[in-house]
């Protein structure tokens, strides 16, 4: 048998300097191998898919593992059979646990999700004043959002960026929209703008469309069937995809944190360089806290002569500083 080479050298060399095998310079090797334990596995139904339910259950019996270890000790002459039987009975009394059942839930498949796009063209005569980069791309206001884009990219090119604010009316939607436009400007990146403020959605008014499928309803559907296609709006003149909440749809529940995490996991795989999330305000709810685990960075918007440092401090304390990227101060035009 050939000797293994590599960073740990010869596997037969001992760490004991007095050993006849010489000196071992790598990590210590195990003296005894663990015994193999039988595992009961149900064969999966070849016709079953992720949509049919959880994958087959695997049963592991802890008593079988203990029995196998004791049998190995007896076989090597390190333990008397009677003593081994006593240890097995004592272990059973101490543990007192039934057979371990491992039933993993269905997870999204490794293939990228299907994206169904509906094209929308903005009307030339009715442009929302919040679209600063579209109305006046050469203004100082537009340049400020490009500077924000530059600072975010310096932080490690975050893929999922949550834009929020301490209170309502601080300018978070304006910040989220123009940040997404700056990231996608001239097709420099593939960007998705997502809306999660279910109580006061704004993106349908900003872009003047009605989504074919409300994003809040998609979150609920994809939590149970994560491989379903996603329905998004494509705005070619802005190089932007949008997932908006339909204000005409009655929302019966608040934001679902696990559903949002599943959505971000799937949409990350769709090839988007950046996903900008127009989130609810921080104070007064825990919605943004539920989303931060699935995000890379959090940006807070503040409005001059309206926001105050007390609310900002409370918002940062509520969210924590692990993913906090900074603040954006908006001035009324």
C-alpha atoms as a PDB file:
ATOM      1  CA  UNK A   1       0.000   0.000   0.000  1.00  0.00           C
ATOM      2  CA  UNK A   2       1.394   3.428  -0.932  1.00  0.00           C
ATOM      3  CA  UNK A   3       1.994   6.031   1.743  1.00  0.00           C
ATOM      4  CA  UNK A   4      -0.125   9.160   1.889  1.00  0.00           C
ATOM      5  CA  UNK A   5       1.701  12.407   1.300  1.00  0.00           C
ATOM      6  CA  UNK A   6       0.561  15.930   2.013  1.00  0.00           C
ATOM      7  CA  UNK A   7       0.650  18.509   4.761  1.00  0.00           C
ATOM      8  CA  UNK A   8       0.418  15.856   7.498  1.00  0.00           C
ATOM      9  CA  UNK A   9       3.042  13.579   5.974  1.00  0.00           C
ATOM     10  CA  UNK A  10       3.118   9.791   6.452  1.00  0.00           C
ATOM     11  CA  UNK A  11      -0.057   8.547   8.257  1.00  0.00           C
ATOM     12  CA  UNK A  12       1.891   5.661   9.871  1.00  0.00           C
ATOM     13  CA  UNK A  13       4.310   7.915  11.745  1.00  0.00           C
ATOM     14  CA  UNK A  14       3.779   8.271  15.498  1.00  0.00           C
ATOM     15  CA  UNK A  15       3.656  11.432  17.617  1.00  0.00           C
ATOM     16  CA  UNK A  16       5.772   9.628  20.271  1.00  0.00           C
ATOM     17  CA  UNK A  17       9.481  10.451  19.813  1.00  0.00           C
ATOM     18  CA  UNK A  18      10.421   7.006  21.171  1.00  0.00           C
ATOM     19  CA  UNK A  19       8.171   5.171  18.787  1.00  0.00           C
ATOM     20  CA  UNK A  20       9.832   2.902  16.192  1.00  0.00           C
ATOM     21  CA  UNK A  21       7.814   4.705  13.558  1.00  0.00           C
ATOM     22  CA  UNK A  22       9.739   7.950  14.093  1.00  0.00           C
ATOM     23  CA  UNK A  23       8.516  11.462  14.775  1.00  0.00           C
ATOM     24  CA  UNK A  24       5.069  12.675  13.613  1.00  0.00           C
ATOM     25  CA  UNK A  25       4.799  16.385  12.804  1.00  0.00           C
ATOM     26  CA  UNK A  26       1.053  16.551  12.084  1.00  0.00           C
ATOM     27  CA  UNK A  27      -2.004  16.330  14.361  1.00  0.00           C
ATOM     28  CA  UNK A  28      -2.325  13.178  16.524  1.00  0.00           C
ATOM     29  CA  UNK A  29      -4.075  10.286  14.832  1.00  0.00           C
ATOM     30  CA  UNK A  30      -6.836   8.247  16.556  1.00  0.00           C
ATOM     31  CA  UNK A  31      -5.656   5.047  18.243  1.00  0.00           C
ATOM     32  CA  UNK A  32      -8.901   3.161  17.690  1.00  0.00           C
ATOM     33  CA  UNK A  33     -11.485   3.488  14.962  1.00  0.00           C
ATOM     34  CA  UNK A  34     -15.139   3.859  15.893  1.00  0.00           C
ATOM     35  CA  UNK A  35     -17.347   0.811  15.290  1.00  0.00           C
ATOM     36  CA  UNK A  36     -19.903   0.970  12.521  1.00  0.00           C
ATOM     37  CA  UNK A  37     -23.534   1.251  13.583  1.00  0.00           C
ATOM     38  CA  UNK A  38     -26.480   0.032  11.566  1.00  0.00           C
ATOM     39  CA  UNK A  39     -28.763   2.795  10.320  1.00  0.00           C
ATOM     40  CA  UNK A  40     -32.334   2.117   9.314  1.00  0.00           C
ATOM     41  CA  UNK A  41     -33.242   4.081   6.179  1.00  0.00           C
ATOM     42  CA  UNK A  42     -36.541   4.001   4.345  1.00  0.00           C
ATOM     43  CA  UNK A  43     -36.131   3.956   0.599  1.00  0.00           C
ATOM     44  CA  UNK A  44     -37.634   7.110  -0.952  1.00  0.00           C
ATOM     45  CA  UNK A  45     -40.476   6.905  -3.400  1.00  0.00           C
ATOM     46  CA  UNK A  46     -39.000   7.719  -6.850  1.00  0.00           C
ATOM     47  CA  UNK A  47     -42.226   9.543  -7.723  1.00  0.00           C
ATOM     48  CA  UNK A  48     -42.077  11.795  -4.665  1.00  0.00           C
ATOM     49  CA  UNK A  49     -41.015  15.419  -5.131  1.00  0.00           C
ATOM     50  CA  UNK A  50     -40.292  18.285  -2.783  1.00  0.00           C
ATOM     51  CA  UNK A  51     -43.857  19.428  -3.275  1.00  0.00           C
ATOM     52  CA  UNK A  52     -45.206  16.153  -1.896  1.00  0.00           C
ATOM     53  CA  UNK A  53     -43.790  16.655   1.581  1.00  0.00           C
ATOM     54  CA  UNK A  54     -40.657  16.082   3.657  1.00  0.00           C
ATOM     55  CA  UNK A  55     -37.893  13.756   2.602  1.00  0.00           C
ATOM     56  CA  UNK A  56     -37.793  10.184   4.028  1.00  0.00           C
ATOM     57  CA  UNK A  57     -37.164   9.858   7.746  1.00  0.00           C
ATOM     58  CA  UNK A  58     -33.879   8.451   9.082  1.00  0.00           C
ATOM     59  CA  UNK A  59     -33.947   6.616  12.432  1.00  0.00           C
ATOM     60  CA  UNK A  60     -30.896   6.475  14.679  1.00  0.00           C
ATOM     61  CA  UNK A  61     -31.015   4.335  17.848  1.00  0.00           C
ATOM     62  CA  UNK A  62     -28.662   5.622  20.599  1.00  0.00           C
ATOM     63  CA  UNK A  63     -28.745   2.242  22.398  1.00  0.00           C
ATOM     64  CA  UNK A  64     -27.340   0.546  19.288  1.00  0.00           C
ATOM     65  CA  UNK A  65     -24.408   2.951  19.281  1.00  0.00           C
ATOM     66  CA  UNK A  66     -23.670   2.276  22.972  1.00  0.00           C
ATOM     67  CA  UNK A  67     -23.959  -1.487  22.434  1.00  0.00           C
ATOM     68  CA  UNK A  68     -21.551  -1.348  19.492  1.00  0.00           C
ATOM     69  CA  UNK A  69     -18.934   0.592  21.480  1.00  0.00           C
ATOM     70  CA  UNK A  70     -19.147  -1.830  24.405  1.00  0.00           C
ATOM     71  CA  UNK A  71     -18.885  -4.848  22.065  1.00  0.00           C
ATOM     72  CA  UNK A  72     -15.740  -3.348  20.541  1.00  0.00           C
ATOM     73  CA  UNK A  73     -14.218  -2.847  24.001  1.00  0.00           C
ATOM     74  CA  UNK A  74     -14.964  -6.478  24.936  1.00  0.00           C
ATOM     75  CA  UNK A  75     -13.507  -7.711  21.641  1.00  0.00           C
ATOM     76  CA  UNK A  76     -10.228  -5.861  22.308  1.00  0.00           C
ATOM     77  CA  UNK A  77     -10.047  -7.329  25.810  1.00  0.00           C
ATOM     78  CA  UNK A  78     -10.447  -3.963  27.493  1.00  0.00           C
ATOM     79  CA  UNK A  79     -13.727  -4.710  29.250  1.00  0.00           C
ATOM     80  CA  UNK A  80     -15.325  -7.722  30.858  1.00  0.00           C
ATOM     81  CA  UNK A  81     -18.611  -8.862  29.310  1.00  0.00           C
ATOM     82  CA  UNK A  82     -20.490  -8.656  32.608  1.00  0.00           C
ATOM     83  CA  UNK A  83     -19.206  -5.147  33.260  1.00  0.00           C
ATOM     84  CA  UNK A  84     -20.180  -4.154  29.725  1.00  0.00           C
ATOM     85  CA  UNK A  85     -23.734  -5.399  30.277  1.00  0.00           C
ATOM     86  CA  UNK A  86     -23.976  -3.365  33.484  1.00  0.00           C
ATOM     87  CA  UNK A  87     -22.757  -0.218  31.720  1.00  0.00           C
ATOM     88  CA  UNK A  88     -25.331  -0.724  28.982  1.00  0.00           C
ATOM     89  CA  UNK A  89     -28.200  -1.026  31.484  1.00  0.00           C
ATOM     90  CA  UNK A  90     -26.978   1.991  33.454  1.00  0.00           C
ATOM     91  CA  UNK A  91     -26.683   4.059  30.291  1.00  0.00           C
ATOM     92  CA  UNK A  92     -30.243   3.149  29.342  1.00  0.00           C
ATOM     93  CA  UNK A  93     -31.486   4.324  32.741  1.00  0.00           C
ATOM     94  CA  UNK A  94     -29.545   7.580  32.581  1.00  0.00           C
ATOM     95  CA  UNK A  95     -30.530   8.497  29.053  1.00  0.00           C
ATOM     96  CA  UNK A  96     -34.171   7.464  29.170  1.00  0.00           C
ATOM     97  CA  UNK A  97     -34.662   8.818  25.647  1.00  0.00           C
ATOM     98  CA  UNK A  98     -36.673   7.274  22.819  1.00  0.00           C
ATOM     99  CA  UNK A  99     -35.328   6.677  19.350  1.00  0.00           C
ATOM    100  CA  UNK A 100     -34.085   9.881  17.745  1.00  0.00           C
ATOM    101  CA  UNK A 101     -36.229  10.949  14.793  1.00  0.00           C
ATOM    102  CA  UNK A 102     -34.571  13.203  12.215  1.00  0.00           C
ATOM    103  CA  UNK A 103     -37.095  14.578   9.745  1.00  0.00           C
ATOM    104  CA  UNK A 104     -35.557  17.477   7.813  1.00  0.00           C
ATOM    105  CA  UNK A 105     -38.012  19.816   6.166  1.00  0.00           C
ATOM    106  CA  UNK A 106     -38.064  20.285   2.445  1.00  0.00           C
ATOM    107  CA  UNK A 107     -35.447  22.854   1.432  1.00  0.00           C
ATOM    108  CA  UNK A 108     -35.162  24.758  -1.820  1.00  0.00           C
ATOM    109  CA  UNK A 109     -33.483  22.789  -4.552  1.00  0.00           C
ATOM    110  CA  UNK A 110     -30.068  23.743  -5.850  1.00  0.00           C
ATOM    111  CA  UNK A 111     -31.362  24.938  -9.234  1.00  0.00           C
ATOM    112  CA  UNK A 112     -31.942  28.683  -9.736  1.00  0.00           C
ATOM    113  CA  UNK A 113     -35.608  29.688  -9.428  1.00  0.00           C
ATOM    114  CA  UNK A 114     -37.746  30.488 -12.441  1.00  0.00           C
ATOM    115  CA  UNK A 115     -38.448  34.211 -12.840  1.00  0.00           C
ATOM    116  CA  UNK A 116     -41.580  35.273 -14.745  1.00  0.00           C
ATOM    117  CA  UNK A 117     -41.264  38.908 -15.853  1.00  0.00           C
ATOM    118  CA  UNK A 118     -44.003  41.357 -16.810  1.00  0.00           C
ATOM    119  CA  UNK A 119     -42.645  44.387 -18.651  1.00  0.00           C
ATOM    120  CA  UNK A 120     -43.771  47.845 -17.590  1.00  0.00           C
ATOM    121  CA  UNK A 121     -42.851  51.189 -19.172  1.00  0.00           C
ATOM    122  CA  UNK A 122     -43.055  54.352 -17.123  1.00  0.00           C
ATOM    123  CA  UNK A 123     -45.298  57.095 -18.550  1.00  0.00           C
ATOM    124  CA  UNK A 124     -43.288  60.016 -19.864  1.00  0.00           C
ATOM    125  CA  UNK A 125     -45.677  62.658 -18.566  1.00  0.00           C
ATOM    126  CA  UNK A 126     -46.181  61.413 -14.998  1.00  0.00           C
ATOM    127  CA  UNK A 127     -42.888  60.702 -13.268  1.00  0.00           C
ATOM    128  CA  UNK A 128     -43.011  60.362  -9.486  1.00  0.00           C
ATOM    129  CA  UNK A 129     -40.901  63.086  -7.816  1.00  0.00           C
ATOM    130  CA  UNK A 130     -39.173  60.440  -5.686  1.00  0.00           C
ATOM    131  CA  UNK A 131     -37.364  59.099  -8.783  1.00  0.00           C
ATOM    132  CA  UNK A 132     -34.491  61.570  -8.478  1.00  0.00           C
ATOM    133  CA  UNK A 133     -32.034  59.722 -10.737  1.00  0.00           C
ATOM    134  CA  UNK A 134     -34.632  59.592 -13.506  1.00  0.00           C
ATOM    135  CA  UNK A 135     -35.939  63.160 -13.232  1.00  0.00           C
ATOM    136  CA  UNK A 136     -32.574  64.896 -12.913  1.00  0.00           C
ATOM    137  CA  UNK A 137     -29.643  62.495 -13.268  1.00  0.00           C
ATOM    138  CA  UNK A 138     -27.076  65.327 -13.217  1.00  0.00           C
ATOM    139  CA  UNK A 139     -28.275  66.949  -9.982  1.00  0.00           C
ATOM    140  CA  UNK A 140     -26.423  66.984  -6.688  1.00  0.00           C
ATOM    141  CA  UNK A 141     -29.188  64.842  -5.217  1.00  0.00           C
ATOM    142  CA  UNK A 142     -28.581  62.121  -7.818  1.00  0.00           C
ATOM    143  CA  UNK A 143     -24.837  62.361  -7.271  1.00  0.00           C
ATOM    144  CA  UNK A 144     -25.380  61.757  -3.557  1.00  0.00           C
ATOM    145  CA  UNK A 145     -27.092  58.427  -4.250  1.00  0.00           C
ATOM    146  CA  UNK A 146     -24.178  57.420  -6.476  1.00  0.00           C
ATOM    147  CA  UNK A 147     -21.855  58.213  -3.571  1.00  0.00           C
ATOM    148  CA  UNK A 148     -24.051  56.004  -1.377  1.00  0.00           C
ATOM    149  CA  UNK A 149     -23.662  53.247  -3.966  1.00  0.00           C
ATOM    150  CA  UNK A 150     -19.886  53.682  -3.858  1.00  0.00           C
ATOM    151  CA  UNK A 151     -19.753  53.481  -0.060  1.00  0.00           C
ATOM    152  CA  UNK A 152     -21.889  50.323  -0.007  1.00  0.00           C
ATOM    153  CA  UNK A 153     -19.706  48.608  -2.586  1.00  0.00           C
ATOM    154  CA  UNK A 154     -16.677  49.449  -0.464  1.00  0.00           C
ATOM    155  CA  UNK A 155     -18.241  47.442   2.383  1.00  0.00           C
ATOM    156  CA  UNK A 156     -17.881  44.204   0.440  1.00  0.00           C
ATOM    157  CA  UNK A 157     -20.577  44.403  -2.260  1.00  0.00           C
ATOM    158  CA  UNK A 158     -23.539  43.309  -0.076  1.00  0.00           C
ATOM    159  CA  UNK A 159     -26.081  41.301  -2.030  1.00  0.00           C
ATOM    160  CA  UNK A 160     -29.155  41.912   0.153  1.00  0.00           C
ATOM    161  CA  UNK A 161     -29.466  45.463   1.515  1.00  0.00           C
ATOM    162  CA  UNK A 162     -32.352  46.444   3.800  1.00  0.00           C
ATOM    163  CA  UNK A 163     -33.341  50.128   3.704  1.00  0.00           C
ATOM    164  CA  UNK A 164     -35.430  51.256   6.658  1.00  0.00           C
ATOM    165  CA  UNK A 165     -35.912  54.271   8.926  1.00  0.00           C
ATOM    166  CA  UNK A 166     -36.677  54.882  12.581  1.00  0.00           C
ATOM    167  CA  UNK A 167     -40.168  56.281  11.929  1.00  0.00           C
ATOM    168  CA  UNK A 168     -42.702  56.679   9.122  1.00  0.00           C
ATOM    169  CA  UNK A 169     -42.008  59.623   6.801  1.00  0.00           C
ATOM    170  CA  UNK A 170     -38.216  59.598   7.180  1.00  0.00           C
ATOM    171  CA  UNK A 171     -37.636  58.892   3.472  1.00  0.00           C
ATOM    172  CA  UNK A 172     -36.842  55.176   3.402  1.00  0.00           C
ATOM    173  CA  UNK A 173     -38.768  54.496   0.162  1.00  0.00           C
ATOM    174  CA  UNK A 174     -37.033  57.396  -1.612  1.00  0.00           C
ATOM    175  CA  UNK A 175     -33.678  56.062  -0.420  1.00  0.00           C
ATOM    176  CA  UNK A 176     -34.438  52.454  -1.390  1.00  0.00           C
ATOM    177  CA  UNK A 177     -35.705  53.370  -4.868  1.00  0.00           C
ATOM    178  CA  UNK A 178     -32.811  55.659  -5.763  1.00  0.00           C
ATOM    179  CA  UNK A 179     -30.218  53.314  -4.292  1.00  0.00           C
ATOM    180  CA  UNK A 180     -31.606  50.535  -6.497  1.00  0.00           C
ATOM    181  CA  UNK A 181     -31.525  52.877  -9.521  1.00  0.00           C
ATOM    182  CA  UNK A 182     -27.933  53.872  -8.764  1.00  0.00           C
ATOM    183  CA  UNK A 183     -26.843  50.240  -8.437  1.00  0.00           C
ATOM    184  CA  UNK A 184     -28.561  49.283 -11.704  1.00  0.00           C
ATOM    185  CA  UNK A 185     -27.639  52.462 -13.606  1.00  0.00           C
ATOM    186  CA  UNK A 186     -26.758  51.807 -17.258  1.00  0.00           C
ATOM    187  CA  UNK A 187     -27.073  48.074 -16.663  1.00  0.00           C
ATOM    188  CA  UNK A 188     -23.953  47.968 -14.488  1.00  0.00           C
ATOM    189  CA  UNK A 189     -25.565  45.322 -12.225  1.00  0.00           C
ATOM    190  CA  UNK A 190     -28.621  43.106 -12.091  1.00  0.00           C
ATOM    191  CA  UNK A 191     -30.788  44.615  -9.349  1.00  0.00           C
ATOM    192  CA  UNK A 192     -34.080  43.622  -7.738  1.00  0.00           C
ATOM    193  CA  UNK A 193     -36.111  46.092  -5.658  1.00  0.00           C
ATOM    194  CA  UNK A 194     -38.313  44.311  -3.100  1.00  0.00           C
ATOM    195  CA  UNK A 195     -41.103  45.794  -0.972  1.00  0.00           C
ATOM    196  CA  UNK A 196     -41.967  44.365   2.462  1.00  0.00           C
ATOM    197  CA  UNK A 197     -43.958  47.182   4.119  1.00  0.00           C
ATOM    198  CA  UNK A 198     -47.302  45.369   4.016  1.00  0.00           C
ATOM    199  CA  UNK A 199     -49.234  48.058   5.922  1.00  0.00           C
ATOM    200  CA  UNK A 200     -48.215  51.051   3.754  1.00  0.00           C
ATOM    201  CA  UNK A 201     -46.871  49.871   0.370  1.00  0.00           C
ATOM    202  CA  UNK A 202     -45.528  52.631  -1.898  1.00  0.00           C
ATOM    203  CA  UNK A 203     -43.808  51.077  -4.927  1.00  0.00           C
ATOM    204  CA  UNK A 204     -46.965  50.701  -7.018  1.00  0.00           C
ATOM    205  CA  UNK A 205     -47.505  54.454  -6.698  1.00  0.00           C
ATOM    206  CA  UNK A 206     -43.858  55.271  -7.438  1.00  0.00           C
ATOM    207  CA  UNK A 207     -43.701  53.172 -10.623  1.00  0.00           C
ATOM    208  CA  UNK A 208     -47.434  53.346 -11.479  1.00  0.00           C
ATOM    209  CA  UNK A 209     -48.266  49.693 -12.043  1.00  0.00           C
ATOM    210  CA  UNK A 210     -50.301  46.931 -10.472  1.00  0.00           C
ATOM    211  CA  UNK A 211     -48.274  43.753  -9.842  1.00  0.00           C
ATOM    212  CA  UNK A 212     -49.767  40.620 -11.403  1.00  0.00           C
ATOM    213  CA  UNK A 213     -49.046  38.778  -8.145  1.00  0.00           C
ATOM    214  CA  UNK A 214     -48.655  40.582  -4.822  1.00  0.00           C
ATOM    215  CA  UNK A 215     -45.235  39.959  -3.284  1.00  0.00           C
ATOM    216  CA  UNK A 216     -46.766  39.345   0.165  1.00  0.00           C
ATOM    217  CA  UNK A 217     -48.910  36.568  -1.321  1.00  0.00           C
ATOM    218  CA  UNK A 218     -45.844  35.139  -3.059  1.00  0.00           C
ATOM    219  CA  UNK A 219     -43.994  34.994   0.262  1.00  0.00           C
ATOM    220  CA  UNK A 220     -46.769  32.884   1.769  1.00  0.00           C
ATOM    221  CA  UNK A 221     -46.973  30.586  -1.261  1.00  0.00           C
ATOM    222  CA  UNK A 222     -43.222  30.042  -1.586  1.00  0.00           C
ATOM    223  CA  UNK A 223     -42.830  29.171   2.083  1.00  0.00           C
ATOM    224  CA  UNK A 224     -44.714  25.925   1.399  1.00  0.00           C
ATOM    225  CA  UNK A 225     -43.646  25.475  -2.242  1.00  0.00           C
ATOM    226  CA  UNK A 226     -40.210  27.130  -2.590  1.00  0.00           C
ATOM    227  CA  UNK A 227     -39.586  25.899  -6.138  1.00  0.00           C
ATOM    228  CA  UNK A 228     -42.542  27.805  -7.593  1.00  0.00           C
ATOM    229  CA  UNK A 229     -41.740  30.544 -10.145  1.00  0.00           C
ATOM    230  CA  UNK A 230     -41.476  34.163  -9.003  1.00  0.00           C
ATOM    231  CA  UNK A 231     -43.585  36.857 -10.647  1.00  0.00           C
ATOM    232  CA  UNK A 232     -41.724  40.183 -10.971  1.00  0.00           C
ATOM    233  CA  UNK A 233     -42.029  43.463 -12.872  1.00  0.00           C
ATOM    234  CA  UNK A 234     -39.335  44.380 -15.401  1.00  0.00           C
ATOM    235  CA  UNK A 235     -38.783  48.119 -16.066  1.00  0.00           C
ATOM    236  CA  UNK A 236     -36.364  48.119 -19.041  1.00  0.00           C
ATOM    237  CA  UNK A 237     -35.692  51.861 -19.108  1.00  0.00           C
ATOM    238  CA  UNK A 238     -34.397  51.645 -15.527  1.00  0.00           C
ATOM    239  CA  UNK A 239     -32.587  48.255 -15.844  1.00  0.00           C
ATOM    240  CA  UNK A 240     -34.593  47.240 -12.782  1.00  0.00           C
ATOM    241  CA  UNK A 241     -36.785  44.363 -11.567  1.00  0.00           C
ATOM    242  CA  UNK A 242     -39.421  45.098  -8.918  1.00  0.00           C
ATOM    243  CA  UNK A 243     -41.341  42.876  -6.468  1.00  0.00           C
ATOM    244  CA  UNK A 244     -44.135  45.050  -5.073  1.00  0.00           C
ATOM    245  CA  UNK A 245     -47.044  44.639  -2.695  1.00  0.00           C
ATOM    246  CA  UNK A 246     -50.469  45.243  -4.170  1.00  0.00           C
ATOM    247  CA  UNK A 247     -52.245  47.870  -2.024  1.00  0.00           C
ATOM    248  CA  UNK A 248     -55.595  46.626  -3.339  1.00  0.00           C
ATOM    249  CA  UNK A 249     -55.042  43.241  -1.712  1.00  0.00           C
ATOM    250  CA  UNK A 250     -56.204  43.043   1.877  1.00  0.00           C
ATOM    251  CA  UNK A 251     -53.276  41.960   4.057  1.00  0.00           C
ATOM    252  CA  UNK A 252     -54.463  39.615   6.799  1.00  0.00           C
ATOM    253  CA  UNK A 253     -51.103  39.094   8.517  1.00  0.00           C
ATOM    254  CA  UNK A 254     -47.834  40.834   9.238  1.00  0.00           C
ATOM    255  CA  UNK A 255     -44.531  40.040   7.589  1.00  0.00           C
ATOM    256  CA  UNK A 256     -43.560  36.371   7.840  1.00  0.00           C
ATOM    257  CA  UNK A 257     -39.880  36.216   8.860  1.00  0.00           C
ATOM    258  CA  UNK A 258     -39.184  32.565   7.820  1.00  0.00           C
ATOM    259  CA  UNK A 259     -40.972  33.142   4.505  1.00  0.00           C
ATOM    260  CA  UNK A 260     -38.800  36.193   3.844  1.00  0.00           C
ATOM    261  CA  UNK A 261     -35.650  34.180   4.604  1.00  0.00           C
ATOM    262  CA  UNK A 262     -36.714  31.483   2.118  1.00  0.00           C
ATOM    263  CA  UNK A 263     -37.446  34.147  -0.497  1.00  0.00           C
ATOM    264  CA  UNK A 264     -34.039  35.790  -0.103  1.00  0.00           C
ATOM    265  CA  UNK A 265     -32.299  32.410  -0.263  1.00  0.00           C
ATOM    266  CA  UNK A 266     -34.026  31.620  -3.539  1.00  0.00           C
ATOM    267  CA  UNK A 267     -33.696  35.082  -5.097  1.00  0.00           C
ATOM    268  CA  UNK A 268     -29.981  35.173  -4.277  1.00  0.00           C
ATOM    269  CA  UNK A 269     -29.671  32.165  -6.584  1.00  0.00           C
ATOM    270  CA  UNK A 270     -31.490  33.951  -9.419  1.00  0.00           C
ATOM    271  CA  UNK A 271     -28.350  35.856 -10.401  1.00  0.00           C
ATOM    272  CA  UNK A 272     -29.112  39.248  -8.868  1.00  0.00           C
ATOM    273  CA  UNK A 273     -26.030  41.233  -7.946  1.00  0.00           C
ATOM    274  CA  UNK A 274     -28.036  43.290  -5.449  1.00  0.00           C
ATOM    275  CA  UNK A 275     -31.445  42.949  -3.796  1.00  0.00           C
ATOM    276  CA  UNK A 276     -32.610  46.224  -2.226  1.00  0.00           C
ATOM    277  CA  UNK A 277     -35.427  45.824   0.300  1.00  0.00           C
ATOM    278  CA  UNK A 278     -37.805  48.715   1.020  1.00  0.00           C
ATOM    279  CA  UNK A 279     -38.612  47.657   4.588  1.00  0.00           C
ATOM    280  CA  UNK A 280     -41.043  48.985   7.224  1.00  0.00           C
ATOM    281  CA  UNK A 281     -39.871  51.474   9.864  1.00  0.00           C
ATOM    282  CA  UNK A 282     -37.916  49.961  12.748  1.00  0.00           C
ATOM    283  CA  UNK A 283     -39.708  51.446  15.727  1.00  0.00           C
ATOM    284  CA  UNK A 284     -43.169  50.166  16.547  1.00  0.00           C
ATOM    285  CA  UNK A 285     -42.735  46.646  15.155  1.00  0.00           C
ATOM    286  CA  UNK A 286     -40.279  43.768  14.917  1.00  0.00           C
ATOM    287  CA  UNK A 287     -40.575  43.344  11.129  1.00  0.00           C
ATOM    288  CA  UNK A 288     -37.076  44.609  10.330  1.00  0.00           C
ATOM    289  CA  UNK A 289     -35.588  42.438  13.084  1.00  0.00           C
ATOM    290  CA  UNK A 290     -37.155  39.401  11.419  1.00  0.00           C
ATOM    291  CA  UNK A 291     -35.471  40.310   8.130  1.00  0.00           C
ATOM    292  CA  UNK A 292     -31.943  41.165   9.253  1.00  0.00           C
ATOM    293  CA  UNK A 293     -30.799  37.536   9.521  1.00  0.00           C
ATOM    294  CA  UNK A 294     -31.421  37.089   5.789  1.00  0.00           C
ATOM    295  CA  UNK A 295     -29.689  40.363   4.818  1.00  0.00           C
ATOM    296  CA  UNK A 296     -26.090  41.495   4.451  1.00  0.00           C
ATOM    297  CA  UNK A 297     -26.418  45.181   5.353  1.00  0.00           C
ATOM    298  CA  UNK A 298     -28.940  47.598   6.865  1.00  0.00           C
ATOM    299  CA  UNK A 299     -29.170  51.293   5.938  1.00  0.00           C
ATOM    300  CA  UNK A 300     -31.342  53.767   7.881  1.00  0.00           C
ATOM    301  CA  UNK A 301     -32.847  56.829   6.214  1.00  0.00           C
ATOM    302  CA  UNK A 302     -33.291  60.097   8.115  1.00  0.00           C
ATOM    303  CA  UNK A 303     -35.036  63.300   7.055  1.00  0.00           C
ATOM    304  CA  UNK A 304     -33.593  66.696   7.909  1.00  0.00           C
ATOM    305  CA  UNK A 305     -35.607  68.750  10.428  1.00  0.00           C
ATOM    306  CA  UNK A 306     -37.873  65.765  11.072  1.00  0.00           C
ATOM    307  CA  UNK A 307     -35.872  62.801  12.380  1.00  0.00           C
ATOM    308  CA  UNK A 308     -34.206  63.032  15.778  1.00  0.00           C
ATOM    309  CA  UNK A 309     -31.202  61.369  17.394  1.00  0.00           C
ATOM    310  CA  UNK A 310     -33.310  59.733  20.097  1.00  0.00           C
ATOM    311  CA  UNK A 311     -35.292  57.696  17.562  1.00  0.00           C
ATOM    312  CA  UNK A 312     -32.115  56.867  15.653  1.00  0.00           C
ATOM    313  CA  UNK A 313     -30.443  55.621  18.825  1.00  0.00           C
ATOM    314  CA  UNK A 314     -33.480  53.495  19.720  1.00  0.00           C
ATOM    315  CA  UNK A 315     -33.591  52.022  16.204  1.00  0.00           C
ATOM    316  CA  UNK A 316     -29.902  51.069  16.288  1.00  0.00           C
ATOM    317  CA  UNK A 317     -30.294  49.542  19.751  1.00  0.00           C
ATOM    318  CA  UNK A 318     -33.246  47.485  18.508  1.00  0.00           C
ATOM    319  CA  UNK A 319     -31.459  46.224  15.389  1.00  0.00           C
ATOM    320  CA  UNK A 320     -27.931  45.901  16.745  1.00  0.00           C
ATOM    321  CA  UNK A 321     -24.771  47.000  14.995  1.00  0.00           C
ATOM    322  CA  UNK A 322     -23.655  43.711  13.384  1.00  0.00           C
ATOM    323  CA  UNK A 323     -25.107  44.537   9.958  1.00  0.00           C
ATOM    324  CA  UNK A 324     -25.672  48.262  10.347  1.00  0.00           C
ATOM    325  CA  UNK A 325     -23.950  50.021   7.423  1.00  0.00           C
ATOM    326  CA  UNK A 326     -24.838  53.654   8.195  1.00  0.00           C
ATOM    327  CA  UNK A 327     -27.426  56.394   7.741  1.00  0.00           C
ATOM    328  CA  UNK A 328     -28.625  58.549   4.861  1.00  0.00           C
ATOM    329  CA  UNK A 329     -29.776  62.120   5.579  1.00  0.00           C
ATOM    330  CA  UNK A 330     -32.389  63.402   3.111  1.00  0.00           C
ATOM    331  CA  UNK A 331     -33.133  67.059   2.606  1.00  0.00           C
ATOM    332  CA  UNK A 332     -36.399  68.227   1.090  1.00  0.00           C
ATOM    333  CA  UNK A 333     -35.914  69.497  -2.433  1.00  0.00           C
END
